[in-house]
Amino acid sequence: MEQLTDIFNKLYQMTAFSNIIADPSFLIMYALAFVLLYLGIVKKYEPLLLVPIAFGVLLANFPGGEMGVIQADSQGMVTLANGSKANIWEMPLHDIAHEFGLMNFLYYMLIKTGFLPPVIFMGVGALTDFGPMLRNLRLSIFGAAAQFGIFAVLLVAILMGFTPKEAASLGIIGGADGPTAIFTTIKLAPHLLGPIAIAAYSYMALVPVIIPLVVKLTCTKKELMINMKEQEKLHPSTTEIKNLRVLKIIFPIAVTTVVALFVPTAVPLIGMLMFGNLLKEIGADTSRLFDAASNSIMNAATIFLGLCVGGTMTVDAFLNMQTIGIVIGGFLAFALSIASGIVMVKIFNLFSKKKINPLIGATGLSAVPMASRVCNEIATKYDVKNHVLNYCMASNISGVIGSAVAAGVLISFLG
């Protein structure tokens, strides 16, 4: 009988139930994973991003599965299975895989080294059409204005006790660009990479929820009904682009050169963004490279990035006051960025006969093209003929460039 009891006890200890019962906080993480999966699959909130992140959360929180990412301290020290300490940056990758499992191997090879963010920027560039921005250059100022949230939260975070480097990593969440947030945090505060990545990608996926909330609090019905096409007819533009194709080829080369001269630290992101876009705009001669950058490479990078970001969301890493503070601060940065773009439009409208719908300012984030789609849906709710997508894209695309340049500035000053 005693032997049978021992067998059943060993079987019980072999399962994850023993750990879950001993620490019910695992249930909170499962609930979070299921909510994120629901939002991605049923609500279709950026499923390409949210589904890998949510499944990574699920994998990371099964006790004994060894799929959770081990977070090193600020000196890079981790605790090994035998209880000793080691610097994970000095460990060979095969030792990381053997000691901590597959997810840690992927995380420290692809994410922590800063490899994936520029690769994803290349894919984003290949999928981006700068045409709407080039045709409406005056709207790009709202992409710059939306970066206010980054620097506002940076100052608040310093006052709350974060170091300047940590505060910069927290503030960059306001740019609504996951790869930029990861790249900046790797350079300035690598020990915060887990919670920063969690917050950045969670809010990116929740753009369809956050933008309508901020718009509702800051805009009137009259403002949201401003019809951009009617304004174009009333006040037509005097500038005409004669050869848009040539301009679209010159643009990525010119932007890369200018940024490289003034903000060299932004080159890994801006340079790869513009390279991907150049492959697209050249056309048939680089079609194979464009196809690889925008499809297979981009898709593979998104899968690994999503799983690894989800893998950082373990019970220990997520359920603590520091992470909760970062999540709250990230939301503040995100909301302020949206609001500052809207306020900039309101100020512009005070001095201009040609009015602009404040939704254009709300898209000064890097969440392309999700933010533009969300704002277009809001506009058509008030007027079914008021399609603002192309105008929103002008601000939205400039926000991508603006957040990457802001990251470069922060890295230059604080790195």
Protein backbone atom coordinates (compact mmCIF):
# COMPACT_ATOMS: atom_id res chain seq x y z
CA MET A 1 0.00 0.00 0.00
CA GLU A 2 2.84 2.33 0.91
CA GLN A 3 4.53 1.63 -2.42
CA LEU A 4 1.30 2.39 -4.28
CA THR A 5 1.01 5.68 -2.38
CA ASP A 6 4.61 6.56 -3.34
CA ILE A 7 3.86 5.82 -6.99
CA PHE A 8 0.78 8.05 -6.98
CA ASN A 9 2.72 10.75 -5.14
CA LYS A 10 5.51 10.64 -7.74
CA LEU A 11 2.95 10.77 -10.54
CA TYR A 12 1.36 13.82 -8.89
CA GLN A 13 4.73 15.53 -8.43
CA MET A 14 5.52 14.81 -12.09
CA THR A 15 2.56 16.90 -13.24
CA ALA A 16 2.30 20.69 -13.15
CA PHE A 17 -0.62 20.52 -10.70
CA SER A 18 1.64 20.32 -7.65
CA ASN A 19 3.36 23.60 -8.55
CA ILE A 20 0.12 25.34 -9.54
CA ILE A 21 -1.58 24.38 -6.27
CA ALA A 22 1.49 25.51 -4.32
CA ASP A 23 1.52 28.84 -6.21
CA PRO A 24 -1.97 29.84 -7.52
CA SER A 25 -0.50 32.96 -9.15
CA PHE A 26 0.15 30.74 -12.18
CA LEU A 27 -3.62 30.85 -12.74
CA ILE A 28 -3.44 34.63 -13.20
CA MET A 29 -0.92 34.18 -16.01
CA TYR A 30 -3.05 31.49 -17.66
CA ALA A 31 -6.04 33.82 -17.52
CA LEU A 32 -3.93 36.60 -19.07
CA ALA A 33 -2.79 34.26 -21.87
CA PHE A 34 -6.37 33.18 -22.60
CA VAL A 35 -7.57 36.81 -22.68
CA LEU A 36 -4.80 37.74 -25.12
CA LEU A 37 -5.61 34.71 -27.29
CA TYR A 38 -9.28 35.73 -27.27
CA LEU A 39 -8.41 39.28 -28.34
CA GLY A 40 -6.16 38.01 -31.11
CA ILE A 41 -8.34 35.17 -32.46
CA VAL A 42 -11.92 36.32 -31.83
CA LYS A 43 -11.59 40.12 -31.75
CA LYS A 44 -8.83 40.05 -34.39
CA TYR A 45 -6.68 42.62 -32.54
CA GLU A 46 -3.43 42.20 -34.50
CA PRO A 47 -3.49 38.37 -34.49
CA LEU A 48 -0.07 38.14 -36.20
CA LEU A 49 1.38 39.80 -33.13
CA LEU A 50 -0.93 38.90 -30.26
CA VAL A 51 -1.30 35.16 -30.94
CA PRO A 52 2.48 34.40 -30.73
CA ILE A 53 2.81 36.62 -27.62
CA ALA A 54 -0.19 35.00 -25.91
CA PHE A 55 1.00 31.47 -26.70
CA GLY A 56 4.46 32.42 -25.43
CA VAL A 57 2.86 33.51 -22.13
CA LEU A 58 1.10 30.16 -21.92
CA LEU A 59 4.27 28.17 -22.62
CA ALA A 60 6.34 30.19 -20.17
CA ASN A 61 4.07 29.50 -17.21
CA PHE A 62 3.79 25.73 -17.25
CA PRO A 63 6.00 24.63 -14.33
CA GLY A 64 8.73 22.24 -15.43
CA GLY A 65 8.34 23.13 -19.10
CA GLU A 66 11.49 25.30 -19.06
CA MET A 67 9.98 27.68 -21.62
CA GLY A 68 10.08 30.82 -19.49
CA VAL A 69 12.82 33.37 -20.08
CA ILE A 70 15.28 33.78 -17.21
CA GLN A 71 15.85 37.47 -16.53
CA ALA A 72 19.39 38.39 -15.54
CA ASP A 73 20.05 41.18 -13.05
CA SER A 74 21.58 44.53 -14.03
CA GLN A 75 25.06 42.90 -14.04
CA GLY A 76 23.92 39.99 -16.23
CA MET A 77 24.10 37.45 -13.40
CA VAL A 78 21.78 34.42 -13.31
CA THR A 79 21.45 31.46 -10.95
CA LEU A 80 22.33 28.06 -12.41
CA ALA A 81 20.65 24.74 -11.56
CA ASN A 82 23.43 23.88 -9.07
CA GLY A 83 22.87 27.14 -7.19
CA SER A 84 25.99 28.93 -8.44
CA LYS A 85 25.99 32.31 -10.18
CA ALA A 86 27.14 32.98 -13.75
CA ASN A 87 27.19 35.90 -16.15
CA ILE A 88 24.80 34.91 -18.92
CA TRP A 89 26.61 37.17 -21.42
CA GLU A 90 29.75 35.10 -20.95
CA MET A 91 27.95 31.78 -21.41
CA PRO A 92 28.10 30.06 -24.83
CA LEU A 93 24.69 29.78 -26.50
CA HIS A 94 24.72 25.97 -26.31
CA ASP A 95 25.23 26.24 -22.54
CA ILE A 96 22.27 28.63 -22.29
CA ALA A 97 20.13 26.16 -24.25
CA HIS A 98 21.27 23.24 -22.07
CA GLU A 99 20.90 25.10 -18.76
CA PHE A 100 17.73 27.14 -19.36
CA GLY A 101 15.96 25.63 -22.37
CA LEU A 102 14.93 26.53 -25.92
CA MET A 103 13.15 29.83 -25.19
CA ASN A 104 16.18 31.29 -23.44
CA PHE A 105 18.40 30.23 -26.34
CA LEU A 106 16.13 32.10 -28.78
CA TYR A 107 15.74 35.09 -26.48
CA TYR A 108 19.43 35.67 -25.81
CA MET A 109 20.45 34.93 -29.41
CA LEU A 110 17.76 36.93 -31.24
CA ILE A 111 16.31 39.51 -28.85
CA LYS A 112 18.91 40.41 -26.26
CA THR A 113 21.60 40.84 -28.91
CA GLY A 114 19.42 43.38 -30.74
CA PHE A 115 19.32 41.24 -33.89
CA LEU A 116 15.57 41.04 -34.52
CA PRO A 117 14.42 44.69 -34.16
CA PRO A 118 16.36 45.96 -37.24
CA VAL A 119 15.30 42.87 -39.20
CA ILE A 120 11.66 43.59 -38.42
CA PHE A 121 12.18 47.23 -39.38
CA MET A 122 13.44 46.02 -42.75
CA GLY A 123 10.21 44.07 -43.20
CA VAL A 124 8.12 47.03 -42.07
CA GLY A 125 9.93 49.23 -44.61
CA ALA A 126 9.23 46.74 -47.37
CA LEU A 127 5.53 46.81 -46.49
CA THR A 128 5.32 50.61 -46.18
CA ASP A 129 4.25 53.02 -48.87
CA PHE A 130 5.66 56.49 -48.20
CA GLY A 131 3.44 57.91 -50.95
CA PRO A 132 0.69 59.23 -48.62
CA MET A 133 3.28 61.06 -46.51
CA LEU A 134 5.10 62.53 -49.51
CA ARG A 135 1.81 63.77 -50.95
CA ASN A 136 0.86 65.32 -47.60
CA LEU A 137 4.17 66.39 -46.08
CA ARG A 138 2.55 69.05 -43.90
CA LEU A 139 0.79 66.26 -41.98
CA SER A 140 4.10 64.67 -40.99
CA ILE A 141 4.51 67.30 -38.26
CA PHE A 142 1.85 65.47 -36.27
CA GLY A 143 4.00 62.36 -36.28
CA ALA A 144 6.73 64.44 -34.64
CA ALA A 145 4.28 65.99 -32.14
CA ALA A 146 3.13 62.54 -31.03
CA GLN A 147 6.63 61.84 -29.67
CA PHE A 148 5.90 64.27 -26.82
CA GLY A 149 4.61 61.38 -24.71
CA ILE A 150 8.05 59.74 -24.78
CA PHE A 151 9.83 62.72 -23.23
CA ALA A 152 7.00 63.65 -20.84
CA VAL A 153 6.98 60.18 -19.29
CA LEU A 154 10.79 60.16 -19.22
CA LEU A 155 10.74 63.21 -16.92
CA VAL A 156 7.94 61.78 -14.76
CA ALA A 157 9.75 58.44 -14.42
CA ILE A 158 12.94 60.19 -13.27
CA LEU A 159 10.93 62.02 -10.61
CA MET A 160 9.47 58.66 -9.53
CA GLY A 161 12.95 57.26 -8.88
CA PHE A 162 13.92 55.55 -12.13
CA THR A 163 17.42 56.23 -13.42
CA PRO A 164 17.58 58.35 -16.63
CA LYS A 165 18.39 55.25 -18.70
CA GLU A 166 15.49 53.29 -17.20
CA ALA A 167 13.18 56.29 -17.64
CA ALA A 168 14.13 56.59 -21.31
CA SER A 169 13.37 52.90 -21.87
CA LEU A 170 10.00 53.38 -20.18
CA GLY A 171 9.18 56.54 -22.14
CA ILE A 172 9.95 55.00 -25.53
CA ILE A 173 6.85 52.82 -25.11
CA GLY A 174 4.96 55.99 -26.06
CA GLY A 175 6.28 55.59 -29.60
CA ALA A 176 4.01 52.53 -29.97
CA ASP A 177 6.78 50.61 -31.69
CA GLY A 178 7.81 47.31 -30.16
CA PRO A 179 11.12 46.84 -32.04
CA THR A 180 12.15 50.42 -31.19
CA ALA A 181 11.32 49.87 -27.51
CA ILE A 182 13.33 46.63 -27.46
CA PHE A 183 16.29 48.18 -29.28
CA THR A 184 16.38 51.20 -26.94
CA THR A 185 16.06 49.09 -23.80
CA ILE A 186 18.86 46.73 -24.89
CA LYS A 187 21.15 49.75 -25.21
CA LEU A 188 20.10 51.62 -22.05
CA ALA A 189 18.48 49.30 -19.49
CA PRO A 190 18.77 45.64 -20.56
CA HIS A 191 17.62 44.40 -17.14
CA LEU A 192 14.17 45.92 -17.87
CA LEU A 193 13.82 44.34 -21.31
CA GLY A 194 11.19 41.81 -20.22
CA PRO A 195 8.61 44.19 -18.72
CA ILE A 196 9.31 46.91 -21.31
CA ALA A 197 8.70 44.47 -24.17
CA ILE A 198 5.56 43.19 -22.45
CA ALA A 199 4.13 46.70 -22.05
CA ALA A 200 5.14 47.91 -25.54
CA TYR A 201 3.65 44.98 -27.42
CA SER A 202 0.55 44.75 -25.23
CA TYR A 203 -0.33 48.38 -25.94
CA MET A 204 0.48 48.01 -29.64
CA ALA A 205 -2.02 45.18 -29.83
CA LEU A 206 -4.59 47.21 -27.88
CA VAL A 207 -4.45 50.25 -30.19
CA PRO A 208 -8.09 49.54 -31.27
CA VAL A 209 -9.08 50.05 -27.63
CA ILE A 210 -6.77 52.86 -26.52
CA ILE A 211 -7.10 55.29 -29.46
CA PRO A 212 -10.95 55.43 -29.33
CA LEU A 213 -10.72 56.02 -25.56
CA VAL A 214 -8.31 58.96 -25.90
CA VAL A 215 -10.22 60.38 -28.89
CA LYS A 216 -13.49 60.26 -26.95
CA LEU A 217 -11.90 62.20 -24.09
CA THR A 218 -10.23 64.87 -26.24
CA CYS A 219 -12.33 65.43 -29.40
CA THR A 220 -15.78 66.82 -30.14
CA LYS A 221 -18.23 65.40 -32.68
CA LYS A 222 -17.83 68.53 -34.81
CA GLU A 223 -14.05 68.05 -34.97
CA LEU A 224 -14.34 64.37 -35.87
CA MET A 225 -16.69 65.26 -38.75
CA ILE A 226 -14.10 67.48 -40.49
CA ASN A 227 -13.98 66.05 -44.01
CA MET A 228 -10.42 66.11 -45.36
CA LYS A 229 -11.45 65.73 -49.02
CA GLU A 230 -13.83 68.67 -48.76
CA GLN A 231 -11.05 70.73 -47.20
CA GLU A 232 -8.81 69.79 -50.14
CA LYS A 233 -11.46 71.06 -52.57
CA LEU A 234 -11.94 74.30 -50.64
CA HIS A 235 -8.20 74.90 -50.22
CA PRO A 236 -6.33 72.96 -52.94
CA SER A 237 -2.61 72.37 -52.53
CA THR A 238 -0.29 74.48 -54.66
CA THR A 239 2.48 71.87 -54.59
CA GLU A 240 2.43 69.20 -57.28
CA ILE A 241 4.69 66.14 -57.40
CA LYS A 242 5.59 65.54 -61.05
CA ASN A 243 7.39 62.19 -60.71
CA LEU A 244 6.33 60.39 -57.54
CA ARG A 245 8.13 57.13 -58.41
CA VAL A 246 11.54 58.82 -58.63
CA LEU A 247 10.85 60.71 -55.40
CA LYS A 248 9.92 57.45 -53.63
CA ILE A 249 13.26 55.94 -54.67
CA ILE A 250 15.29 58.99 -53.65
CA PHE A 251 13.46 59.41 -50.33
CA PRO A 252 14.80 56.34 -48.44
CA ILE A 253 18.35 57.06 -49.62
CA ALA A 254 18.10 60.72 -48.57
CA VAL A 255 16.52 59.98 -45.18
CA THR A 256 19.15 57.35 -44.33
CA THR A 257 21.95 59.76 -45.24
CA VAL A 258 20.52 62.67 -43.23
CA VAL A 259 19.76 60.53 -40.16
CA ALA A 260 23.20 58.89 -40.33
CA LEU A 261 24.86 62.31 -40.30
CA PHE A 262 22.81 63.82 -37.47
CA VAL A 263 21.72 60.83 -35.32
CA PRO A 264 24.08 57.91 -36.08
CA THR A 265 22.66 55.77 -33.26
CA ALA A 266 19.32 55.62 -35.10
CA VAL A 267 20.89 54.10 -38.23
CA PRO A 268 20.27 50.40 -37.33
CA LEU A 269 16.52 51.08 -37.26
CA ILE A 270 16.08 53.88 -39.80
CA GLY A 271 18.68 52.39 -42.16
CA MET A 272 16.99 48.97 -42.26
CA LEU A 273 13.54 50.57 -42.53
CA MET A 274 14.63 52.59 -45.54
CA PHE A 275 16.52 49.67 -47.09
CA GLY A 276 13.39 47.53 -47.00
CA ASN A 277 11.39 50.36 -48.53
CA LEU A 278 13.99 50.90 -51.26
CA LEU A 279 13.73 47.23 -52.26
CA LYS A 280 9.99 47.75 -52.68
CA GLU A 281 10.21 50.97 -54.67
CA ILE A 282 12.90 49.83 -57.14
CA GLY A 283 10.43 47.28 -58.46
CA ALA A 284 11.08 44.24 -60.64
CA ASP A 285 14.88 44.35 -60.38
CA THR A 286 14.76 43.70 -56.60
CA SER A 287 11.42 41.87 -56.45
CA ARG A 288 12.98 38.68 -55.03
CA LEU A 289 14.70 40.60 -52.24
CA PHE A 290 11.50 42.55 -51.55
CA ASP A 291 9.50 39.31 -51.38
CA ALA A 292 11.96 37.77 -48.90
CA ALA A 293 12.08 40.90 -46.69
CA SER A 294 8.32 41.38 -46.60
CA ASN A 295 7.26 37.74 -46.33
CA SER A 296 9.49 34.88 -45.19
CA ILE A 297 12.04 36.91 -43.19
CA MET A 298 9.41 39.22 -41.69
CA ASN A 299 7.08 36.35 -40.78
CA ALA A 300 9.84 34.27 -39.16
CA ALA A 301 11.09 37.29 -37.20
CA THR A 302 7.54 38.06 -36.00
CA ILE A 303 7.02 34.49 -34.80
CA PHE A 304 10.24 34.36 -32.80
CA LEU A 305 9.82 37.88 -31.44
CA GLY A 306 6.25 37.21 -30.31
CA LEU A 307 7.09 33.90 -28.63
CA CYS A 308 10.14 35.37 -26.89
CA VAL A 309 8.27 38.45 -25.65
CA GLY A 310 5.53 36.16 -24.32
CA GLY A 311 8.21 33.95 -22.81
CA THR A 312 9.40 36.84 -20.63
CA MET A 313 5.97 37.06 -18.97
CA THR A 314 6.58 34.61 -16.17
CA VAL A 315 4.98 34.84 -12.73
CA ASP A 316 8.16 36.25 -11.15
CA ALA A 317 8.81 38.78 -13.94
CA PHE A 318 5.23 39.97 -14.40
CA LEU A 319 3.58 39.93 -10.98
CA ASN A 320 5.76 42.50 -9.21
CA MET A 321 5.51 46.21 -8.48
CA GLN A 322 8.25 47.22 -10.93
CA THR A 323 6.51 45.59 -13.88
CA ILE A 324 3.14 46.98 -12.81
CA GLY A 325 4.75 50.45 -12.60
CA ILE A 326 6.22 50.02 -16.09
CA VAL A 327 2.86 48.89 -17.48
CA ILE A 328 1.13 51.93 -15.94
CA GLY A 329 3.90 54.27 -17.12
CA GLY A 330 3.76 52.73 -20.58
CA PHE A 331 0.03 53.34 -20.80
CA LEU A 332 0.57 56.95 -19.74
CA ALA A 333 3.26 57.41 -22.43
CA PHE A 334 1.03 55.80 -25.03
CA ALA A 335 -2.02 57.90 -24.16
CA LEU A 336 0.01 61.13 -23.97
CA SER A 337 1.49 60.48 -27.42
CA ILE A 338 -1.98 60.12 -28.90
CA ALA A 339 -3.28 63.16 -27.02
CA SER A 340 -0.30 65.35 -27.96
CA GLY A 341 -0.84 64.62 -31.67
CA ILE A 342 -4.52 65.59 -31.29
CA VAL A 343 -3.64 68.78 -29.40
CA MET A 344 -1.15 69.73 -32.12
CA VAL A 345 -3.92 69.46 -34.72
CA LYS A 346 -6.21 71.64 -32.59
CA ILE A 347 -3.49 74.29 -32.35
CA PHE A 348 -2.86 74.08 -36.10
CA ASN A 349 -6.59 74.54 -36.82
CA LEU A 350 -6.64 77.78 -34.81
CA PHE A 351 -4.32 79.43 -37.33
CA SER A 352 -5.23 77.69 -40.58
CA LYS A 353 -8.20 78.06 -42.91
CA LYS A 354 -7.65 74.52 -44.15
CA LYS A 355 -8.89 72.46 -41.20
CA ILE A 356 -7.52 69.05 -40.28
CA ASN A 357 -9.43 66.23 -38.61
CA PRO A 358 -7.85 65.61 -35.16
CA LEU A 359 -7.82 61.89 -35.93
CA ILE A 360 -4.82 62.66 -38.15
CA GLY A 361 -2.92 63.72 -35.02
CA ALA A 362 -4.02 60.59 -33.15
CA THR A 363 -2.16 58.45 -35.68
CA GLY A 364 1.25 60.00 -35.07
CA LEU A 365 2.23 56.68 -33.47
CA SER A 366 4.35 53.95 -35.01
CA ALA A 367 1.58 51.36 -34.98
CA VAL A 368 1.34 51.19 -38.79
CA PRO A 369 -1.18 50.70 -40.31
CA MET A 370 -3.34 49.67 -37.36
CA ALA A 371 -3.66 53.19 -35.91
CA SER A 372 -4.73 54.57 -39.31
CA ARG A 373 -7.34 51.84 -39.78
CA VAL A 374 -8.77 52.47 -36.31
CA CYS A 375 -9.01 56.23 -36.88
CA ASN A 376 -10.61 55.74 -40.29
CA GLU A 377 -13.27 53.55 -38.68
CA ILE A 378 -13.94 56.26 -36.08
CA ALA A 379 -14.30 58.92 -38.80
CA THR A 380 -16.74 56.84 -40.88
CA LYS A 381 -18.94 56.27 -37.81
CA TYR A 382 -19.69 60.00 -37.79
CA ASP A 383 -19.78 60.38 -41.59
CA VAL A 384 -19.77 57.32 -43.85
CA LYS A 385 -18.19 59.36 -46.67
CA ASN A 386 -15.37 60.74 -44.54
CA HIS A 387 -12.52 58.35 -45.33
CA VAL A 388 -9.33 59.67 -43.73
CA LEU A 389 -7.11 56.60 -44.16
CA ASN A 390 -4.60 58.12 -46.61
CA TYR A 391 -4.28 61.29 -44.52
CA CYS A 392 -3.84 59.24 -41.34
CA MET A 393 -1.13 57.18 -43.03
CA ALA A 394 0.88 60.36 -43.68
CA SER A 395 1.05 61.09 -39.96
CA ASN A 396 1.34 57.40 -39.05
CA ILE A 397 4.35 56.76 -41.29
CA SER A 398 6.14 59.88 -40.08
CA GLY A 399 5.57 58.58 -36.55
CA VAL A 400 7.61 55.47 -37.40
CA ILE A 401 10.53 57.65 -38.45
CA GLY A 402 10.00 60.00 -35.50
CA SER A 403 10.04 57.29 -32.83
CA ALA A 404 13.19 55.69 -34.29
CA VAL A 405 14.95 59.08 -34.37
CA ALA A 406 13.76 59.78 -30.79
CA ALA A 407 15.25 56.44 -29.74
CA GLY A 408 18.52 57.36 -31.42
CA VAL A 409 18.60 60.71 -29.60
CA LEU A 410 17.99 59.04 -26.23
CA ILE A 411 20.69 56.45 -26.86
CA SER A 412 23.15 59.18 -27.92
CA PHE A 413 22.54 61.30 -24.83
CA LEU A 414 22.20 58.54 -22.23
CA GLY A 415 24.06 55.54 -23.68
